[in-house]
Structure formats: C-alpha cells, structure tokens
Amino acid sequence: MRLLVLALAVCLITFLMSAPAMAQAAGAPDSGAEKIAKLESALASAQSAGDNAWMLVSAALVLMMTGPGLALFYGGLVRTKNVLATMMQSFFLMALITVLWAIAGYSLAFSEGTPFLGGAKYLFLRGVGVEPNADYAATIPHQTFMMFQLMFAIITPALITGAFAERIKFSALVLFMCLWVLIVYIPLAHMVWGKGGFLNAYLGGRVACFDFAGGTVVHVSSGVSALVCALYLGKRHGYAHEPMKPHSVVLSVIGACLLWVGWFGFNAGSALAASGLATSAFVNTHFAAAAGALGWSAGEWFRNGKPSVLGAVSGAVAGLVAITPGSGFVKPMPALLIGLLAGLVCFYMVVVIKGKMGYDDSLDAFGVHGAGGTLGALLTGVFATNAINNALKRPDGHAVALGLADGHPGQILNQFWGVLIAWVLAGVGTWIILKVVDLILGVRVSREEEIEGLDLTQHGEEAYNYEG
C-alpha cells in the first residue's frame, strides 16, 4: 500500500513539473519579460486606483469644509436673526461656483494660456475625461483633478462672507462672487498652479513661489478681499455700541472641528497621490492646528485671565491656515512652530489691530485668513526643505535646495513676491468689483432690513421656531 501511494505521489509531482513545459510548447505561458510587464501593469493599475480613491475622498473632505464646516462655524458666530442667511451664503456658493467652474472656470485656471490666465482648451469641460493629465497628476483621472480643484474654488469665496456677515444683499453677493472668482481667484490659481503660470515653481513659472495647498491662492486672496469688503460696506449698525455676541458657540465649535478634519483633504490631498508626501502634509496639518489652538489660548489667557472656547477653535483654524502653503514642504517641528506663531499673531490681529483700526470684519476673515495666510507663505520660504519634497531637480538629478533650511534664503524673496501679487490682485480687484456691483444692485441692505435681520428680509425664513 505504501509503495502504491509513493508511486502515485511521484507521478503527480512529475506531472506538475512537466505541465509548464507542455503549456509553453503549446504557446500558452508568458516569457519572463512578459510576466514582468504584466506585473508592472498590475502595480501601475493598483497605484492609480489607490491614488484615485484618496483624491476622491480628499475632494469630498474639502467640500465638507464649506458645508457643513464653514456654514456652521460662521453660522454660530452671527446673531440669531442672521444665521440662515449666513449659512445660505456658504451653501449657495457650493452650487453657483460649481456651474461657473464647469463652464469656464477650470479652463481659465488650468489650461495653457498666458502667465496670468489660462486659455479656452477646457471650456465646458471639453477634453476633461477619465484619462490622466500628466502635467498635473499622472495617476488619477483628469476629472478627479478637476473636481478636487473645484472644491478649492468653492471654499475660497465662501471665506470672504465672514467679513460682511449680517449686512449684504443676497443678490449683490451672487453677482459679486461670480465676478470675484473670474477676476481674482482664477488668475491667481493659474499663476500659482496652472501650467506656465507666472508663480508656478514646477511648470514653467518665472518666479518659483511655493504654495502647496493654497496659502496665497486661497487664504491671502480671501483674507485681503475680506478686509476690503469690510471697509467698503462699513460697520454694522450698533457696532461697538450694542452687544453682538455669537448666538451659538456650540455650532461654531462643531463647524471648526469639521474644518480641522476636512483640512486633511485640503492639504494632504494636494499631494495628488496616496504617497509619503501626503502623509507628511497630513502630519504637518494636524500639528499646526494643535499648536495654533494652544498659541491663541495662551495669548488670551495672558491678556484676559482665561482662555475662551471660541479663541481655542479660532487658533486651530489660524494654525491650519498658516501651514497650508508649506504643508508639503516642511518638517513636523517647523509645522508646530508655524502653527504656534499663527495662533499668537492672528490673536493679536483680531484683538489688538482690529480694535485700533476700527474696521468691522464681522467674523475675522482678514485677521485669520489674511494674516495667517501671509505669515504661512513667508515662513514656507524659511522652512521648506527637499528632505520632504524633492520634486524639483537639477540637471544632474539632485534635488534643488528649497528654502532657507536648505541654504537657499532667496526663496523668502520669491514667497514675498507671491504674497505681494496676491495682496494687490485681491485688494484692487475686490474694490473694483464692489464698485461695479454697488452701481448695478447696491451692496448693502437698508437700515430697517439689517435691524430686522437677513433671514427674514433676504430669504423669508427664520432659523428657530420658539412657538412649539
């Protein structure tokens, strides 16, 4: 019996060993080179699938930053009679900017054109399909990249609404935002991120300004525009004479927490791949937010004797803003420092400078985004290092020195030019747009409408029903 079993085993082994040779003789199996090629194809497909999954999630996270994140954060900070109107501004922009982006916005920002504005190649999303655009992201569909960039275009104008909360006509808001995106946001996005853009460090720009996820494009532009809007519209009736306390700090805390979580998509997603660079940006984002919360709380504790909840969440947002341009360029410890400085500087801007200048930036869009974005963009020039981001190469294949940390102090000047261009474009462009909208529609509601509240006068609704 044992001999029979042994004989059967020998026959089976012989058959298994001879099967590949028999199949090869029949022309079925692949050669070694073909097997390697198929393996490489499978790996590339897996990488593409993983990158695309991460980018779709990141796009969703960035959209969550606008609604519900920003809508709740801003909505909780206004008075009860204006909460719906404030939240409506964020929600409506999710729809308005999407349509504008599909028709012309994406093309003007990301197709090749001049150093200051893109061309007409992608109008109505013509040619934007599921095949990758190697200029921007070689492992994800072009449509995925387009959608990710759309979410940035949505939240940026939404940030401005904090400056003129409780006093702008809704019709004026709609026209203003359409013009602002076309005149301010899109040219700046093209200059920094578009192929051939004036400030693009990677795709043929004349000034190599590092902006990983939107320090200049998103935060400086929206923050400076917010200041111009606050100055142009003037103060709310009763400002500095009547209490204008937030109607629900609870809503604002929830909104800030959603912003913190969504910011991982904002910054880590800007790696455009599920890569180690995404991990680095993820870590830096979290560290800076934490340090920002501590910095603002420390400043408030020292000045007022106690830290406030609203101050802590505002500090976290300030840290997130400041790390945005450098999130994919700096190490974790500099990220902590950037966040800490942002918490302290933005606290000073909101509490001291705003009071001395006397402007009514209702929800401190300039103090947090304008000041924090500027600080972060400049500090990126200090701490950027090719140990984190080595995508820029010399002709000999070695990584280019990035910031002062790599022995390249000239990058600070490049960052300054990027910030200056963003300040000028946003400031001048916003003032011109406001003048045009004011002539056509008028930008501010009447005194009576402001006193009654924008929920009723602009939308015919109330946020809370106290009768039941």
Protein backbone atom coordinates (compact mmCIF):
# COMPACT_ATOMS: atom_id res chain seq x y z
CA MET A 1 0.00 0.00 0.00
CA ARG A 2 2.78 2.36 0.90
CA LEU A 3 4.50 1.60 -2.40
CA LEU A 4 1.31 2.43 -4.27
CA VAL A 5 0.94 5.78 -2.50
CA LEU A 6 4.59 6.61 -3.16
CA ALA A 7 4.20 5.77 -6.85
CA LEU A 8 1.11 7.99 -7.16
CA ALA A 9 2.94 10.88 -5.46
CA VAL A 10 5.89 10.56 -7.85
CA CYS A 11 3.53 10.59 -10.83
CA LEU A 12 1.73 13.68 -9.55
CA ILE A 13 4.96 15.62 -8.96
CA THR A 14 6.24 14.64 -12.39
CA PHE A 15 3.01 15.85 -13.99
CA LEU A 16 3.07 19.20 -12.18
CA MET A 17 6.69 19.80 -13.16
CA SER A 18 6.06 18.95 -16.78
CA ALA A 19 2.84 21.00 -17.13
CA PRO A 20 4.57 24.40 -17.62
CA ALA A 21 6.84 22.93 -20.28
CA MET A 22 3.88 21.35 -22.07
CA ALA A 23 1.93 24.63 -21.90
CA GLN A 24 4.93 26.56 -23.19
CA ALA A 25 5.21 24.19 -26.07
CA ALA A 26 1.57 24.98 -26.84
CA GLY A 27 2.39 28.71 -26.80
CA ALA A 28 0.24 29.48 -23.69
CA PRO A 29 2.56 30.84 -20.97
CA ASP A 30 4.33 34.16 -20.91
CA SER A 31 8.04 34.62 -21.09
CA GLY A 32 9.88 36.13 -18.16
CA ALA A 33 9.81 39.57 -19.78
CA GLU A 34 6.07 39.31 -20.41
CA LYS A 35 5.44 38.30 -16.82
CA ILE A 36 7.41 41.30 -15.59
CA ALA A 37 5.50 43.60 -17.95
CA LYS A 38 2.15 42.27 -16.71
CA LEU A 39 3.27 42.64 -13.10
CA GLU A 40 4.32 46.26 -13.72
CA SER A 41 0.99 46.94 -15.40
CA ALA A 42 -0.88 45.48 -12.44
CA LEU A 43 1.17 47.56 -10.00
CA ALA A 44 0.55 50.73 -12.00
CA SER A 45 -3.17 49.97 -12.08
CA ALA A 46 -3.20 49.41 -8.33
CA GLN A 47 -1.34 52.66 -7.73
CA SER A 48 -3.77 54.54 -9.95
CA ALA A 49 -6.74 53.02 -8.15
CA GLY A 50 -5.30 53.88 -4.73
CA ASP A 51 -4.39 57.42 -5.73
CA ASN A 52 -7.80 57.99 -7.28
CA ALA A 53 -9.61 56.68 -4.20
CA TRP A 54 -7.61 59.02 -1.95
CA MET A 55 -8.22 62.00 -4.21
CA LEU A 56 -11.97 61.39 -4.42
CA VAL A 57 -12.09 61.20 -0.61
CA SER A 58 -9.97 64.35 -0.37
CA ALA A 59 -12.30 66.22 -2.71
CA ALA A 60 -15.25 65.21 -0.54
CA LEU A 61 -13.40 66.32 2.60
CA VAL A 62 -12.71 69.77 1.11
CA LEU A 63 -16.35 70.15 0.13
CA MET A 64 -17.29 69.24 3.70
CA MET A 65 -15.17 72.18 4.84
CA THR A 66 -17.61 74.58 3.16
CA GLY A 67 -20.82 72.76 4.02
CA PRO A 68 -21.28 71.91 6.82
CA GLY A 69 -17.91 73.08 8.24
CA LEU A 70 -17.74 76.76 7.35
CA ALA A 71 -21.53 77.13 7.31
CA LEU A 72 -21.72 76.00 10.94
CA PHE A 73 -18.60 77.88 12.01
CA TYR A 74 -19.80 81.18 10.58
CA GLY A 75 -23.47 80.49 11.30
CA GLY A 76 -22.83 80.08 15.01
CA LEU A 77 -20.91 83.36 15.21
CA VAL A 78 -23.71 85.65 13.98
CA ARG A 79 -26.86 86.74 15.77
CA THR A 80 -29.96 84.56 15.64
CA LYS A 81 -31.70 86.76 13.08
CA ASN A 82 -28.91 86.19 10.56
CA VAL A 83 -27.93 82.55 10.99
CA LEU A 84 -29.85 81.16 7.99
CA ALA A 85 -28.67 83.93 5.69
CA THR A 86 -25.07 83.30 6.72
CA MET A 87 -25.31 79.54 6.20
CA MET A 88 -27.13 80.08 2.90
CA GLN A 89 -24.15 82.03 1.57
CA SER A 90 -21.84 79.04 2.02
CA PHE A 91 -24.38 76.55 0.71
CA PHE A 92 -25.37 78.61 -2.33
CA LEU A 93 -21.74 79.04 -3.34
CA MET A 94 -21.38 75.26 -3.49
CA ALA A 95 -23.89 75.31 -6.34
CA LEU A 96 -23.00 78.63 -8.00
CA ILE A 97 -19.25 78.10 -8.28
CA THR A 98 -19.71 74.53 -9.50
CA VAL A 99 -21.64 75.69 -12.55
CA LEU A 100 -19.22 78.55 -13.19
CA TRP A 101 -16.26 76.16 -12.89
CA ALA A 102 -17.74 73.69 -15.36
CA ILE A 103 -18.49 76.35 -17.97
CA ALA A 104 -15.26 78.34 -17.93
CA GLY A 105 -13.51 78.43 -14.56
CA TYR A 106 -11.48 75.25 -14.82
CA SER A 107 -10.28 76.07 -18.32
CA LEU A 108 -9.22 79.59 -17.43
CA ALA A 109 -7.33 78.33 -14.39
CA PHE A 110 -5.65 75.16 -15.68
CA SER A 111 -5.39 75.14 -19.45
CA GLU A 112 -2.31 76.67 -21.03
CA GLY A 113 -2.52 80.34 -21.87
CA THR A 114 -0.56 83.35 -20.71
CA PRO A 115 1.48 83.53 -17.49
CA PHE A 116 -1.52 85.26 -15.88
CA LEU A 117 -4.58 83.46 -17.24
CA GLY A 118 -5.35 80.11 -18.83
CA GLY A 119 -6.91 79.53 -22.22
CA ALA A 120 -10.10 78.09 -23.71
CA LYS A 121 -8.96 74.49 -24.19
CA TYR A 122 -11.20 73.06 -21.46
CA LEU A 123 -14.27 75.31 -21.83
CA PHE A 124 -17.43 73.37 -20.90
CA LEU A 125 -15.00 70.66 -19.70
CA ARG A 126 -14.21 69.70 -23.27
CA GLY A 127 -11.39 67.15 -23.19
CA VAL A 128 -11.60 66.65 -19.43
CA GLY A 129 -12.21 62.92 -19.18
CA VAL A 130 -11.10 59.88 -17.24
CA GLU A 131 -7.63 59.73 -18.75
CA PRO A 132 -4.94 61.40 -16.58
CA ASN A 133 -3.47 64.79 -17.41
CA ALA A 134 0.23 64.11 -16.94
CA ASP A 135 1.03 67.80 -16.48
CA TYR A 136 -0.83 67.86 -13.17
CA ALA A 137 -1.41 64.32 -11.90
CA ALA A 138 -0.25 61.32 -13.89
CA THR A 139 -2.01 58.61 -11.86
CA ILE A 140 -5.56 59.95 -11.45
CA PRO A 141 -8.30 60.76 -13.97
CA HIS A 142 -8.34 64.32 -15.26
CA GLN A 143 -11.91 64.67 -13.98
CA THR A 144 -10.78 63.77 -10.47
CA PHE A 145 -8.16 66.52 -10.56
CA MET A 146 -10.76 68.95 -11.91
CA MET A 147 -13.20 68.10 -9.11
CA PHE A 148 -10.52 68.42 -6.42
CA GLN A 149 -9.61 71.89 -7.67
CA LEU A 150 -13.30 72.83 -7.84
CA MET A 151 -13.63 72.32 -4.09
CA PHE A 152 -10.89 74.92 -3.53
CA ALA A 153 -12.70 77.34 -5.83
CA ILE A 154 -15.87 76.85 -3.75
CA ILE A 155 -14.47 77.44 -0.28
CA THR A 156 -12.26 80.43 -1.14
CA PRO A 157 -15.05 82.94 -1.86
CA ALA A 158 -17.08 81.42 0.97
CA LEU A 159 -14.34 82.51 3.40
CA ILE A 160 -14.91 86.14 2.39
CA THR A 161 -18.51 86.06 3.57
CA GLY A 162 -17.33 86.29 7.16
CA ALA A 163 -16.24 89.89 6.58
CA PHE A 164 -19.61 91.31 5.57
CA ALA A 165 -21.86 89.00 7.56
CA GLU A 166 -25.20 90.47 8.65
CA ARG A 167 -25.32 93.35 6.17
CA ILE A 168 -25.01 92.37 2.48
CA LYS A 169 -27.81 91.91 -0.06
CA PHE A 170 -28.08 88.35 -1.28
CA SER A 171 -28.44 89.48 -4.90
CA ALA A 172 -25.27 91.54 -4.55
CA LEU A 173 -23.48 88.57 -3.02
CA VAL A 174 -24.31 86.38 -6.02
CA LEU A 175 -23.04 88.90 -8.59
CA PHE A 176 -20.00 89.81 -6.50
CA MET A 177 -18.91 86.19 -6.10
CA CYS A 178 -19.27 85.40 -9.81
CA LEU A 179 -17.08 88.35 -10.71
CA TRP A 180 -14.63 87.73 -7.89
CA VAL A 181 -13.97 84.14 -8.88
CA LEU A 182 -13.41 85.15 -12.50
CA ILE A 183 -11.30 88.26 -11.84
CA VAL A 184 -9.35 87.38 -8.67
CA TYR A 185 -9.38 83.67 -7.87
CA ILE A 186 -8.94 82.13 -11.31
CA PRO A 187 -6.00 84.31 -12.45
CA LEU A 188 -4.23 83.73 -9.14
CA ALA A 189 -4.87 79.97 -9.28
CA HIS A 190 -3.44 79.89 -12.80
CA MET A 191 -0.39 81.92 -11.81
CA VAL A 192 0.45 79.59 -8.89
CA TRP A 193 -0.79 76.16 -10.03
CA GLY A 194 -1.51 76.34 -13.76
CA LYS A 195 0.98 75.19 -16.40
CA GLY A 196 3.06 78.20 -17.45
CA GLY A 197 1.68 80.32 -14.60
CA PHE A 198 3.82 83.26 -13.54
CA LEU A 199 4.40 81.95 -9.99
CA ASN A 200 4.41 78.21 -10.74
CA ALA A 201 7.55 76.63 -9.31
CA TYR A 202 7.17 73.37 -11.23
CA LEU A 203 5.58 74.03 -14.60
CA GLY A 204 7.49 76.87 -16.21
CA GLY A 205 6.82 79.82 -13.90
CA ARG A 206 9.04 82.89 -13.88
CA VAL A 207 9.01 83.23 -10.07
CA ALA A 208 9.19 79.97 -8.09
CA CYS A 209 6.64 80.58 -5.35
CA PHE A 210 5.87 77.55 -3.18
CA ASP A 211 2.20 77.18 -2.32
CA PHE A 212 1.40 73.54 -1.67
CA ALA A 213 -2.32 73.86 -0.92
CA GLY A 214 -3.41 77.48 -1.17
CA GLY A 215 -1.70 79.92 1.19
CA THR A 216 -1.72 82.66 -1.43
CA VAL A 217 -4.41 81.34 -3.78
CA VAL A 218 -6.98 80.66 -1.06
CA HIS A 219 -6.17 82.40 2.20
CA VAL A 220 -4.31 85.58 1.26
CA SER A 221 -6.74 86.29 -1.58
CA SER A 222 -9.86 85.72 0.51
CA GLY A 223 -8.45 87.43 3.61
CA VAL A 224 -7.37 90.60 1.82
CA SER A 225 -10.63 90.70 -0.12
CA ALA A 226 -12.47 90.33 3.19
CA LEU A 227 -10.71 93.41 4.57
CA VAL A 228 -11.63 95.46 1.50
CA CYS A 229 -15.24 94.30 1.78
CA ALA A 230 -15.40 95.21 5.47
CA LEU A 231 -14.01 98.67 4.78
CA TYR A 232 -16.25 99.26 1.76
CA LEU A 233 -19.53 98.15 3.34
CA GLY A 234 -18.83 99.92 6.62
CA LYS A 235 -19.74 98.86 10.13
CA ARG A 236 -22.89 97.10 11.17
CA HIS A 237 -25.47 99.38 12.79
CA GLY A 238 -24.74 99.46 16.51
CA TYR A 239 -21.24 98.04 16.13
CA ALA A 240 -19.11 98.76 19.23
CA HIS A 241 -22.20 100.17 20.98
CA GLU A 242 -24.55 97.20 21.12
CA PRO A 243 -23.75 93.59 22.07
CA MET A 244 -23.25 91.38 19.01
CA LYS A 245 -22.43 88.10 20.66
CA PRO A 246 -22.41 84.79 18.75
CA HIS A 247 -25.82 83.15 19.01
CA SER A 248 -24.34 79.63 19.35
CA VAL A 249 -20.71 78.94 20.11
CA VAL A 250 -21.67 75.26 20.11
CA LEU A 251 -22.41 75.39 16.38
CA SER A 252 -19.12 77.18 15.79
CA VAL A 253 -17.16 74.53 17.68
CA ILE A 254 -18.79 71.78 15.61
CA GLY A 255 -18.00 73.72 12.44
CA ALA A 256 -14.38 74.24 13.49
CA CYS A 257 -13.96 70.52 14.20
CA LEU A 258 -15.32 69.71 10.74
CA LEU A 259 -12.89 72.22 9.26
CA TRP A 260 -10.00 70.56 11.10
CA VAL A 261 -10.94 67.11 9.76
CA GLY A 262 -11.67 68.40 6.27
CA TRP A 263 -8.32 70.15 6.15
CA PHE A 264 -6.59 66.77 5.86
CA GLY A 265 -8.14 66.50 2.41
CA PHE A 266 -7.27 70.12 1.71
CA ASN A 267 -3.56 69.76 2.46
CA ALA A 268 -2.71 66.05 2.25
CA GLY A 269 -4.89 65.76 -0.86
CA SER A 270 -2.72 68.38 -2.54
CA ALA A 271 -0.02 65.72 -2.87
CA LEU A 272 -2.33 64.41 -5.65
CA ALA A 273 -1.42 60.84 -4.71
CA ALA A 274 -1.66 58.42 -1.78
CA SER A 275 2.04 58.91 -1.12
CA GLY A 276 4.57 59.64 1.56
CA LEU A 277 4.24 63.33 0.71
CA ALA A 278 0.54 63.11 1.53
CA THR A 279 1.47 61.61 4.90
CA SER A 280 3.90 64.45 5.57
CA ALA A 281 1.26 67.06 4.74
CA PHE A 282 -1.26 65.20 6.90
CA VAL A 283 1.09 65.22 9.92
CA ASN A 284 2.01 68.88 9.46
CA THR A 285 -1.64 69.87 9.18
CA HIS A 286 -2.57 68.24 12.46
CA PHE A 287 0.46 69.52 14.33
CA ALA A 288 -0.06 73.11 13.20
CA ALA A 289 -3.75 73.09 14.14
CA ALA A 290 -2.93 71.84 17.62
CA ALA A 291 -0.17 74.40 18.14
CA GLY A 292 -2.39 77.18 16.80
CA ALA A 293 -5.10 76.37 19.33
CA LEU A 294 -2.54 76.48 22.14
CA GLY A 295 -0.98 79.72 20.86
CA TRP A 296 -4.26 81.64 20.68
CA SER A 297 -5.38 80.25 24.05
CA ALA A 298 -2.09 81.27 25.65
CA GLY A 299 -2.39 84.81 24.32
CA GLU A 300 -5.97 85.07 25.53
CA TRP A 301 -5.16 83.53 28.89
CA PHE A 302 -2.35 86.00 29.44
CA ARG A 303 -4.39 89.03 28.33
CA ASN A 304 -7.82 88.21 29.76
CA GLY A 305 -7.04 85.83 32.58
CA LYS A 306 -8.89 82.91 31.00
CA PRO A 307 -8.94 81.12 27.64
CA SER A 308 -12.22 81.04 25.72
CA VAL A 309 -13.62 78.16 23.71
CA LEU A 310 -14.10 80.42 20.70
CA GLY A 311 -10.48 81.54 20.99
CA ALA A 312 -9.21 77.97 21.04
CA VAL A 313 -11.12 76.96 17.90
CA SER A 314 -10.11 80.19 16.16
CA GLY A 315 -6.48 79.43 16.97
CA ALA A 316 -6.80 75.96 15.48
CA VAL A 317 -8.17 77.47 12.26
CA ALA A 318 -5.33 80.02 12.26
CA GLY A 319 -2.79 77.19 12.54
CA LEU A 320 -4.45 75.33 9.68
CA VAL A 321 -4.39 78.45 7.52
CA ALA A 322 -0.72 79.16 8.17
CA ILE A 323 0.52 75.63 7.48
CA THR A 324 -1.40 75.32 4.21
CA PRO A 325 1.27 76.74 1.85
CA GLY A 326 4.10 74.82 3.50
CA SER A 327 2.31 71.60 4.44
CA GLY A 328 4.10 69.64 1.71
CA PHE A 329 7.46 71.35 2.14
CA VAL A 330 8.33 71.48 5.86
CA LYS A 331 9.16 69.03 8.64
CA PRO A 332 6.86 68.37 11.63
CA MET A 333 8.71 70.53 14.17
CA PRO A 334 8.67 73.65 11.96
CA ALA A 335 4.97 72.90 11.40
CA LEU A 336 4.43 73.11 15.15
CA LEU A 337 6.27 76.43 15.25
CA ILE A 338 4.31 77.83 12.31
CA GLY A 339 1.04 76.88 14.00
CA LEU A 340 2.07 78.38 17.32
CA LEU A 341 3.14 81.67 15.73
CA ALA A 342 -0.09 81.78 13.72
CA GLY A 343 -2.16 81.40 16.87
CA LEU A 344 -0.34 84.27 18.56
CA VAL A 345 -0.15 86.58 15.51
CA CYS A 346 -3.78 86.07 14.47
CA PHE A 347 -4.93 86.61 18.06
CA TYR A 348 -3.04 89.92 18.07
CA MET A 349 -4.53 90.92 14.71
CA VAL A 350 -8.08 90.19 15.84
CA VAL A 351 -7.91 91.57 19.36
CA VAL A 352 -5.48 94.50 19.06
CA ILE A 353 -5.03 95.64 15.44
CA LYS A 354 -8.69 95.30 14.50
CA GLY A 355 -9.65 97.41 17.50
CA LYS A 356 -7.09 100.10 16.71
CA MET A 357 -8.07 100.32 13.03
CA GLY A 358 -11.78 100.23 13.84
CA TYR A 359 -12.99 98.17 10.87
CA ASP A 360 -15.89 95.72 11.26
CA ASP A 361 -14.66 92.39 9.92
CA SER A 362 -17.66 90.58 11.38
CA LEU A 363 -16.17 87.09 11.71
CA ASP A 364 -12.46 87.97 11.46
CA ALA A 365 -11.83 86.64 7.98
CA PHE A 366 -8.91 89.01 7.48
CA GLY A 367 -7.41 88.55 10.93
CA VAL A 368 -7.28 84.77 10.50
CA HIS A 369 -7.01 84.10 6.77
CA GLY A 370 -5.29 87.25 5.52
CA ALA A 371 -2.77 87.48 8.35
CA GLY A 372 -2.37 83.72 8.81
CA GLY A 373 -2.00 83.06 5.09
CA THR A 374 0.63 85.77 4.71
CA LEU A 375 2.60 84.52 7.70
CA GLY A 376 2.49 80.93 6.49
CA ALA A 377 3.53 81.80 2.94
CA LEU A 378 6.59 83.71 4.15
CA LEU A 379 7.59 81.05 6.67
CA THR A 380 7.39 78.44 3.91
CA GLY A 381 10.37 80.20 2.37
CA VAL A 382 12.22 79.75 5.64
CA PHE A 383 11.48 76.10 6.44
CA ALA A 384 10.91 74.45 3.04
CA THR A 385 13.32 71.57 2.54
CA ASN A 386 13.99 68.99 -0.15
CA ALA A 387 14.16 66.38 2.60
CA ILE A 388 10.36 66.49 2.48
CA ASN A 389 9.68 67.48 -1.13
CA ASN A 390 12.36 66.61 -3.68
CA ALA A 391 10.29 67.01 -6.84
CA LEU A 392 12.42 69.90 -8.14
CA LYS A 393 15.63 68.51 -9.67
CA ARG A 394 18.84 69.95 -11.05
CA PRO A 395 20.07 68.75 -14.48
CA ASP A 396 22.34 66.28 -12.70
CA GLY A 397 19.34 64.69 -10.99
CA HIS A 398 19.98 66.04 -7.50
CA ALA A 399 17.16 67.76 -5.59
CA VAL A 400 17.12 71.56 -5.68
CA ALA A 401 17.60 73.48 -2.43
CA LEU A 402 14.18 74.86 -1.50
CA GLY A 403 14.16 77.29 1.42
CA LEU A 404 16.44 78.86 3.97
CA ALA A 405 16.56 75.50 5.77
CA ASP A 406 18.33 74.11 2.68
CA GLY A 407 20.65 77.10 2.37
CA HIS A 408 18.51 79.00 -0.15
CA PRO A 409 17.49 82.29 1.51
CA GLY A 410 16.39 83.70 -1.86
CA GLN A 411 13.19 81.65 -1.58
CA ILE A 412 11.94 84.05 1.07
CA LEU A 413 12.01 86.79 -1.56
CA ASN A 414 10.13 84.55 -4.00
CA GLN A 415 7.49 83.97 -1.35
CA PHE A 416 7.28 87.71 -0.73
CA TRP A 417 6.61 88.36 -4.42
CA GLY A 418 3.90 85.75 -4.43
CA VAL A 419 2.25 87.29 -1.38
CA LEU A 420 2.55 90.80 -2.80
CA ILE A 421 0.92 89.81 -6.09
CA ALA A 422 -1.91 88.10 -4.19
CA TRP A 423 -2.42 91.18 -1.99
CA VAL A 424 -2.52 93.60 -4.91
CA LEU A 425 -4.73 91.46 -7.14
CA ALA A 426 -7.18 90.70 -4.34
CA GLY A 427 -7.25 94.22 -2.94
CA VAL A 428 -7.60 96.16 -6.20
CA GLY A 429 -9.78 93.55 -7.88
CA THR A 430 -12.21 93.36 -4.96
CA TRP A 431 -12.58 97.13 -4.71
CA ILE A 432 -13.37 97.43 -8.44
CA ILE A 433 -15.88 94.57 -8.28
CA LEU A 434 -17.62 96.11 -5.27
CA LYS A 435 -17.94 99.45 -7.08
CA VAL A 436 -19.48 97.74 -10.12
CA VAL A 437 -21.91 95.67 -8.06
CA ASP A 438 -22.83 98.70 -5.96
CA LEU A 439 -23.69 100.69 -9.10
CA ILE A 440 -25.81 97.86 -10.50
CA LEU A 441 -27.58 96.48 -7.43
CA GLY A 442 -26.32 98.22 -4.32
CA VAL A 443 -24.35 96.02 -1.96
CA ARG A 444 -25.80 96.75 1.46
CA VAL A 445 -29.26 96.17 2.84
CA SER A 446 -31.21 99.09 4.28
CA ARG A 447 -31.01 100.01 7.93
CA GLU A 448 -34.51 98.64 8.53
CA GLU A 449 -33.66 95.32 6.84
CA GLU A 450 -30.46 94.99 8.81
CA ILE A 451 -32.27 95.59 12.10
CA GLU A 452 -34.97 93.06 11.21
CA GLY A 453 -32.36 90.53 10.14
CA LEU A 454 -31.29 88.98 6.86
CA ASP A 455 -33.08 85.68 7.47
CA LEU A 456 -36.47 87.32 7.03
CA THR A 457 -35.62 90.17 4.67
CA GLN A 458 -33.48 88.18 2.25
CA HIS A 459 -34.99 84.68 2.49
CA GLY A 460 -38.35 84.96 4.25
CA GLU A 461 -37.47 82.34 6.87
CA GLU A 462 -36.43 82.06 10.49
CA ALA A 463 -33.83 79.69 11.89
CA TYR A 464 -35.68 78.71 15.06
CA ASN A 465 -39.34 78.23 15.87
CA TYR A 466 -39.97 79.07 19.51
CA GLU A 467 -43.76 78.64 19.38
CA GLY A 468 -43.84 74.87 19.85
